């Protein structure tokens, strides 16, 4: 048998409210005023860094692009365009574009053509 909570504070916050309707589970704001879904451009120096990685990937080579000053859908579109340009698959994880294979030089050229400052990072 489960033990009952002795106070509302023990329940961990707001249980039910009809004041403002549904609330965002992350920020606790009403869904209409939620700022979680509106992703903002990452605060960085505006330089896209392109590097080749093999660690933690079973020996397979992946080219990563990080620090691109875009957010949300624009970043997804750029990742898709870069994957098409390289003719390979890839992913977008936590603001880092991963392209399968070694395509550092090709990605540097493509990013420069699209108006981004890009430089080779690591080795």
N, C-alpha and C. Protein backbone atom coordinates (compact mmCIF):
# COMPACT_ATOMS: atom_id res chain seq x y z
N UNK A 1 0.84 -1.17 0.00
CA UNK A 1 0.00 0.00 0.00
C UNK A 1 0.89 1.24 0.00
N UNK A 2 0.56 2.22 -0.86
CA UNK A 2 1.35 3.44 -0.98
C UNK A 2 1.01 4.41 0.14
N UNK A 3 2.04 5.10 0.58
CA UNK A 3 1.87 6.07 1.66
C UNK A 3 1.36 7.40 1.07
N UNK A 4 0.36 8.00 1.68
CA UNK A 4 -0.21 9.24 1.19
C UNK A 4 0.69 10.43 1.58
N UNK A 5 0.71 11.43 0.71
CA UNK A 5 1.46 12.64 1.02
C UNK A 5 0.66 13.48 2.01
N UNK A 6 1.34 14.05 2.97
CA UNK A 6 0.65 14.80 4.02
C UNK A 6 0.33 16.24 3.63
N UNK A 7 1.00 16.79 2.60
CA UNK A 7 0.73 18.16 2.19
C UNK A 7 0.84 18.29 0.68
N UNK A 8 0.34 19.39 0.16
CA UNK A 8 0.43 19.63 -1.28
C UNK A 8 1.88 19.86 -1.72
N UNK A 9 2.69 20.42 -0.85
CA UNK A 9 4.10 20.66 -1.18
C UNK A 9 4.83 19.35 -1.42
N UNK A 10 4.42 18.29 -0.74
CA UNK A 10 5.07 16.99 -0.91
C UNK A 10 4.73 16.36 -2.25
N UNK A 11 3.70 16.86 -2.91
CA UNK A 11 3.31 16.32 -4.21
C UNK A 11 4.20 16.82 -5.35
N UNK A 12 5.02 17.82 -5.11
CA UNK A 12 5.98 18.26 -6.12
C UNK A 12 5.48 19.37 -7.02
N UNK A 13 4.69 20.28 -6.53
CA UNK A 13 4.30 21.42 -7.34
C UNK A 13 2.83 21.43 -7.70
N UNK A 14 2.52 22.16 -8.76
CA UNK A 14 1.15 22.35 -9.20
C UNK A 14 0.56 21.05 -9.72
N UNK A 15 -0.58 20.68 -9.20
CA UNK A 15 -1.23 19.44 -9.62
C UNK A 15 -2.27 19.71 -10.68
N UNK A 16 -3.13 20.69 -10.45
CA UNK A 16 -4.19 20.97 -11.40
C UNK A 16 -4.57 22.44 -11.31
N UNK A 17 -4.74 23.07 -12.46
CA UNK A 17 -5.13 24.46 -12.46
C UNK A 17 -5.96 24.74 -13.69
N UNK A 18 -7.03 25.48 -13.53
CA UNK A 18 -7.86 25.86 -14.67
C UNK A 18 -7.65 27.31 -15.04
N UNK A 19 -6.73 28.00 -14.35
CA UNK A 19 -6.51 29.42 -14.62
C UNK A 19 -6.04 29.68 -16.04
N UNK A 20 -4.95 29.05 -16.44
CA UNK A 20 -4.38 29.38 -17.73
C UNK A 20 -4.31 28.18 -18.68
N UNK A 21 -4.99 27.12 -18.38
CA UNK A 21 -5.00 25.97 -19.27
C UNK A 21 -3.77 25.11 -19.13
N UNK A 22 -3.31 24.56 -20.24
CA UNK A 22 -2.18 23.64 -20.23
C UNK A 22 -0.87 24.36 -19.98
N UNK A 23 0.04 23.70 -19.28
CA UNK A 23 1.35 24.26 -18.97
C UNK A 23 2.44 23.42 -19.61
N UNK A 24 3.53 24.07 -19.97
CA UNK A 24 4.69 23.37 -20.52
C UNK A 24 5.37 22.58 -19.41
N UNK A 25 5.69 21.31 -19.64
CA UNK A 25 6.34 20.53 -18.59
C UNK A 25 7.77 20.97 -18.29
N UNK A 26 8.42 21.66 -19.22
CA UNK A 26 9.82 22.06 -19.01
C UNK A 26 9.96 23.37 -18.25
N UNK A 27 9.23 24.40 -18.71
CA UNK A 27 9.41 25.71 -18.08
C UNK A 27 8.28 26.09 -17.13
N UNK A 28 7.16 25.36 -17.16
CA UNK A 28 6.06 25.63 -16.25
C UNK A 28 5.17 26.79 -16.68
N UNK A 29 5.48 27.42 -17.81
CA UNK A 29 4.68 28.53 -18.33
C UNK A 29 3.47 27.98 -19.08
N UNK A 30 2.43 28.81 -19.26
CA UNK A 30 1.31 28.37 -20.10
C UNK A 30 1.81 28.06 -21.51
N UNK A 31 1.18 27.11 -22.19
CA UNK A 31 1.65 26.67 -23.50
C UNK A 31 1.74 27.83 -24.47
N UNK A 32 0.82 28.78 -24.41
CA UNK A 32 0.84 29.92 -25.31
C UNK A 32 2.05 30.83 -25.07
N UNK A 33 2.56 30.88 -23.85
CA UNK A 33 3.68 31.75 -23.52
C UNK A 33 4.99 30.99 -23.38
N UNK A 34 5.01 29.73 -23.74
CA UNK A 34 6.20 28.88 -23.58
C UNK A 34 7.32 29.38 -24.50
N UNK A 35 8.53 29.45 -23.96
CA UNK A 35 9.69 29.86 -24.75
C UNK A 35 10.63 28.68 -25.02
N UNK A 36 10.29 27.51 -24.54
CA UNK A 36 11.16 26.34 -24.73
C UNK A 36 11.23 25.94 -26.20
N UNK A 37 10.10 25.96 -26.90
CA UNK A 37 10.08 25.49 -28.28
C UNK A 37 10.72 26.48 -29.23
N UNK A 38 10.84 27.74 -28.83
CA UNK A 38 11.47 28.73 -29.68
C UNK A 38 12.97 28.68 -29.44
N UNK A 39 13.65 27.89 -30.25
CA UNK A 39 15.09 27.76 -30.06
C UNK A 39 15.79 29.01 -30.58
N UNK A 40 16.80 29.42 -29.85
CA UNK A 40 17.54 30.61 -30.21
C UNK A 40 18.89 30.20 -30.78
N UNK A 41 19.46 31.09 -31.55
CA UNK A 41 20.77 30.83 -32.13
C UNK A 41 21.79 30.67 -31.01
N UNK A 42 22.69 29.71 -31.14
CA UNK A 42 23.68 29.51 -30.08
C UNK A 42 24.59 30.73 -29.93
N UNK A 43 24.91 31.03 -28.69
CA UNK A 43 25.79 32.16 -28.42
C UNK A 43 27.23 31.69 -28.57
N UNK A 44 27.84 32.05 -29.65
CA UNK A 44 29.22 31.66 -29.90
C UNK A 44 29.92 32.77 -30.65
N UNK A 45 31.04 32.43 -31.27
CA UNK A 45 31.79 33.45 -31.99
C UNK A 45 31.39 33.53 -33.47
N UNK A 46 30.42 32.71 -33.91
CA UNK A 46 29.92 32.79 -35.28
C UNK A 46 30.78 32.05 -36.29
N UNK A 47 31.74 31.28 -35.83
CA UNK A 47 32.61 30.53 -36.74
C UNK A 47 32.20 29.06 -36.68
N UNK A 48 31.90 28.50 -37.85
CA UNK A 48 31.55 27.08 -37.93
C UNK A 48 32.85 26.28 -37.94
N UNK A 49 32.94 25.32 -37.06
CA UNK A 49 34.14 24.49 -36.97
C UNK A 49 33.86 23.10 -37.54
N UNK A 50 34.68 22.70 -38.51
CA UNK A 50 34.51 21.43 -39.19
C UNK A 50 35.65 20.52 -38.78
N UNK A 51 35.31 19.32 -38.28
CA UNK A 51 36.36 18.40 -37.87
C UNK A 51 35.99 16.96 -38.18
N UNK A 52 37.01 16.13 -38.29
CA UNK A 52 36.85 14.71 -38.55
C UNK A 52 36.97 13.97 -37.23
N UNK A 53 36.02 13.06 -36.96
CA UNK A 53 36.04 12.30 -35.70
C UNK A 53 35.89 10.82 -35.97
N UNK A 54 36.53 10.02 -35.12
CA UNK A 54 36.33 8.56 -35.16
C UNK A 54 36.10 7.99 -33.78
N UNK A 55 36.38 8.77 -32.73
CA UNK A 55 36.24 8.26 -31.36
C UNK A 55 34.80 7.92 -31.02
N UNK A 56 34.61 6.78 -30.40
CA UNK A 56 33.30 6.38 -29.93
C UNK A 56 32.33 6.02 -31.02
N UNK A 57 32.84 5.75 -32.23
CA UNK A 57 31.96 5.45 -33.35
C UNK A 57 32.31 4.12 -34.01
N UNK A 58 32.97 3.26 -33.27
CA UNK A 58 33.32 1.94 -33.80
C UNK A 58 34.31 2.00 -34.94
N UNK A 59 35.17 3.02 -34.97
CA UNK A 59 36.17 3.13 -36.02
C UNK A 59 35.67 3.82 -37.27
N UNK A 60 34.40 4.12 -37.34
CA UNK A 60 33.85 4.78 -38.52
C UNK A 60 34.15 6.28 -38.45
N UNK A 61 34.41 6.88 -39.60
CA UNK A 61 34.75 8.30 -39.67
C UNK A 61 33.49 9.13 -39.86
N UNK A 62 33.40 10.21 -39.11
CA UNK A 62 32.27 11.14 -39.19
C UNK A 62 32.85 12.55 -39.22
N UNK A 63 32.29 13.40 -40.07
CA UNK A 63 32.69 14.80 -40.10
C UNK A 63 31.64 15.60 -39.36
N UNK A 64 32.06 16.40 -38.38
CA UNK A 64 31.10 17.18 -37.60
C UNK A 64 31.27 18.67 -37.90
N UNK A 65 30.14 19.37 -37.89
CA UNK A 65 30.13 20.82 -38.08
C UNK A 65 29.46 21.40 -36.85
N UNK A 66 30.19 22.19 -36.07
CA UNK A 66 29.62 22.78 -34.86
C UNK A 66 29.80 24.29 -34.89
N UNK A 67 28.99 24.98 -34.11
CA UNK A 67 29.10 26.43 -33.99
C UNK A 67 28.45 27.21 -35.11
N UNK A 68 27.56 26.57 -35.88
CA UNK A 68 26.88 27.28 -36.96
C UNK A 68 25.86 28.24 -36.32
N UNK A 69 25.89 29.51 -36.67
CA UNK A 69 25.00 30.48 -36.03
C UNK A 69 23.58 30.45 -36.58
N UNK A 70 22.96 29.29 -36.55
CA UNK A 70 21.57 29.12 -36.97
C UNK A 70 20.84 28.36 -35.89
N UNK A 71 19.51 28.41 -35.92
CA UNK A 71 18.73 27.69 -34.93
C UNK A 71 17.52 27.04 -35.59
N UNK A 72 17.05 25.98 -34.97
CA UNK A 72 15.79 25.35 -35.36
C UNK A 72 15.75 24.84 -36.78
N UNK A 73 14.71 25.28 -37.50
CA UNK A 73 14.47 24.78 -38.85
C UNK A 73 15.58 25.16 -39.83
N UNK A 74 16.16 26.33 -39.66
CA UNK A 74 17.24 26.76 -40.55
C UNK A 74 18.44 25.82 -40.43
N UNK A 75 18.73 25.38 -39.21
CA UNK A 75 19.84 24.46 -39.00
C UNK A 75 19.53 23.09 -39.60
N UNK A 76 18.27 22.65 -39.47
CA UNK A 76 17.85 21.37 -40.08
C UNK A 76 17.98 21.42 -41.59
N UNK A 77 17.58 22.55 -42.18
CA UNK A 77 17.67 22.71 -43.63
C UNK A 77 19.13 22.69 -44.09
N UNK A 78 20.01 23.36 -43.33
CA UNK A 78 21.43 23.36 -43.68
C UNK A 78 22.00 21.95 -43.58
N UNK A 79 21.65 21.22 -42.53
CA UNK A 79 22.14 19.85 -42.37
C UNK A 79 21.69 18.99 -43.54
N UNK A 80 20.45 19.13 -43.94
CA UNK A 80 19.92 18.36 -45.06
C UNK A 80 20.65 18.71 -46.35
N UNK A 81 20.90 19.99 -46.59
CA UNK A 81 21.61 20.42 -47.80
C UNK A 81 23.05 19.90 -47.81
N UNK A 82 23.71 19.92 -46.66
CA UNK A 82 25.09 19.43 -46.60
C UNK A 82 25.14 17.93 -46.83
N UNK A 83 24.18 17.20 -46.30
CA UNK A 83 24.14 15.75 -46.53
C UNK A 83 23.93 15.45 -48.01
N UNK A 84 23.05 16.21 -48.66
CA UNK A 84 22.82 16.02 -50.09
C UNK A 84 24.08 16.33 -50.88
N UNK A 85 24.77 17.41 -50.49
CA UNK A 85 25.99 17.83 -51.21
C UNK A 85 27.06 16.76 -51.11
N UNK A 86 27.17 16.12 -49.95
CA UNK A 86 28.18 15.08 -49.77
C UNK A 86 27.71 13.73 -50.30
N UNK A 87 26.42 13.58 -50.50
CA UNK A 87 25.88 12.32 -51.01
C UNK A 87 25.90 11.21 -49.96
N UNK A 88 25.81 11.58 -48.70
CA UNK A 88 25.83 10.59 -47.62
C UNK A 88 24.75 10.90 -46.60
N UNK A 89 24.65 10.05 -45.62
CA UNK A 89 23.70 10.27 -44.53
C UNK A 89 24.34 11.09 -43.43
N UNK A 90 23.57 11.32 -42.42
CA UNK A 90 24.08 12.08 -41.30
C UNK A 90 22.98 12.36 -40.31
N UNK A 91 23.27 13.22 -39.35
CA UNK A 91 22.30 13.53 -38.30
C UNK A 91 22.57 14.93 -37.77
N UNK A 92 21.57 15.45 -37.05
CA UNK A 92 21.71 16.71 -36.35
C UNK A 92 21.46 16.42 -34.89
N UNK A 93 22.50 16.50 -34.06
CA UNK A 93 22.39 16.18 -32.64
C UNK A 93 22.88 17.35 -31.80
N UNK A 94 22.01 17.91 -31.00
CA UNK A 94 22.36 19.00 -30.07
C UNK A 94 23.06 20.16 -30.75
N UNK A 95 22.60 20.55 -31.94
CA UNK A 95 23.18 21.67 -32.65
C UNK A 95 24.45 21.36 -33.40
N UNK A 96 24.85 20.08 -33.44
CA UNK A 96 26.06 19.67 -34.16
C UNK A 96 25.62 18.81 -35.35
N UNK A 97 26.05 19.20 -36.54
CA UNK A 97 25.72 18.44 -37.74
C UNK A 97 26.77 17.35 -37.91
N UNK A 98 26.31 16.10 -38.04
CA UNK A 98 27.21 14.98 -38.26
C UNK A 98 26.97 14.44 -39.65
N UNK A 99 28.04 14.33 -40.44
CA UNK A 99 27.98 13.82 -41.80
C UNK A 99 28.84 12.56 -41.86
N UNK A 100 28.27 11.48 -42.37
CA UNK A 100 29.02 10.22 -42.44
C UNK A 100 30.15 10.34 -43.46
N UNK A 101 31.33 9.85 -43.09
CA UNK A 101 32.49 9.86 -43.97
C UNK A 101 33.38 11.07 -43.73
N UNK A 102 34.45 11.13 -44.51
CA UNK A 102 35.42 12.22 -44.38
C UNK A 102 35.19 13.23 -45.49
N UNK A 103 34.58 14.38 -45.14
CA UNK A 103 34.23 15.40 -46.12
C UNK A 103 34.62 16.79 -45.64
N UNK A 104 35.73 16.91 -44.94
CA UNK A 104 36.12 18.17 -44.33
C UNK A 104 36.29 19.27 -45.39
N UNK A 105 37.07 19.02 -46.41
CA UNK A 105 37.36 20.05 -47.42
C UNK A 105 36.09 20.43 -48.19
N UNK A 106 35.28 19.45 -48.54
CA UNK A 106 34.05 19.72 -49.27
C UNK A 106 33.09 20.57 -48.44
N UNK A 107 32.99 20.26 -47.15
CA UNK A 107 32.11 21.03 -46.27
C UNK A 107 32.63 22.44 -46.04
N UNK A 108 33.94 22.61 -45.94
CA UNK A 108 34.52 23.95 -45.79
C UNK A 108 34.17 24.82 -47.00
N UNK A 109 34.31 24.25 -48.19
CA UNK A 109 33.98 24.99 -49.41
C UNK A 109 32.49 25.33 -49.46
N UNK A 110 31.64 24.37 -49.13
CA UNK A 110 30.19 24.57 -49.20
C UNK A 110 29.73 25.63 -48.18
N UNK A 111 30.27 25.57 -46.97
CA UNK A 111 29.89 26.56 -45.96
C UNK A 111 30.36 27.96 -46.36
N UNK A 112 31.56 28.06 -46.94
CA UNK A 112 32.05 29.37 -47.40
C UNK A 112 31.18 29.90 -48.53
N UNK A 113 30.74 29.01 -49.41
CA UNK A 113 29.88 29.42 -50.52
C UNK A 113 28.53 29.94 -50.01
N UNK A 114 28.07 29.38 -48.88
CA UNK A 114 26.79 29.80 -48.30
C UNK A 114 26.94 31.02 -47.38
N UNK A 115 28.15 31.56 -47.26
CA UNK A 115 28.35 32.80 -46.51
C UNK A 115 28.70 32.63 -45.05
N UNK A 116 29.07 31.43 -44.61
CA UNK A 116 29.47 31.21 -43.23
C UNK A 116 30.97 31.29 -43.10
N UNK A 117 31.46 31.77 -41.98
CA UNK A 117 32.88 31.69 -41.67
C UNK A 117 33.11 30.27 -41.18
N UNK A 118 33.97 29.53 -41.83
CA UNK A 118 34.22 28.14 -41.45
C UNK A 118 35.71 27.90 -41.40
N UNK A 119 36.12 27.09 -40.42
CA UNK A 119 37.53 26.74 -40.37
C UNK A 119 37.67 25.30 -39.89
N UNK A 120 38.78 24.70 -40.28
CA UNK A 120 39.08 23.32 -39.93
C UNK A 120 39.50 23.29 -38.47
N UNK A 121 38.98 22.32 -37.75
CA UNK A 121 39.27 22.23 -36.32
C UNK A 121 39.85 20.86 -36.03
N UNK A 122 40.79 20.78 -35.11
CA UNK A 122 41.39 19.50 -34.74
C UNK A 122 42.24 18.94 -35.86
N UNK A 123 43.24 18.17 -35.55
CA UNK A 123 44.11 17.48 -36.49
C UNK A 123 44.07 17.97 -37.85
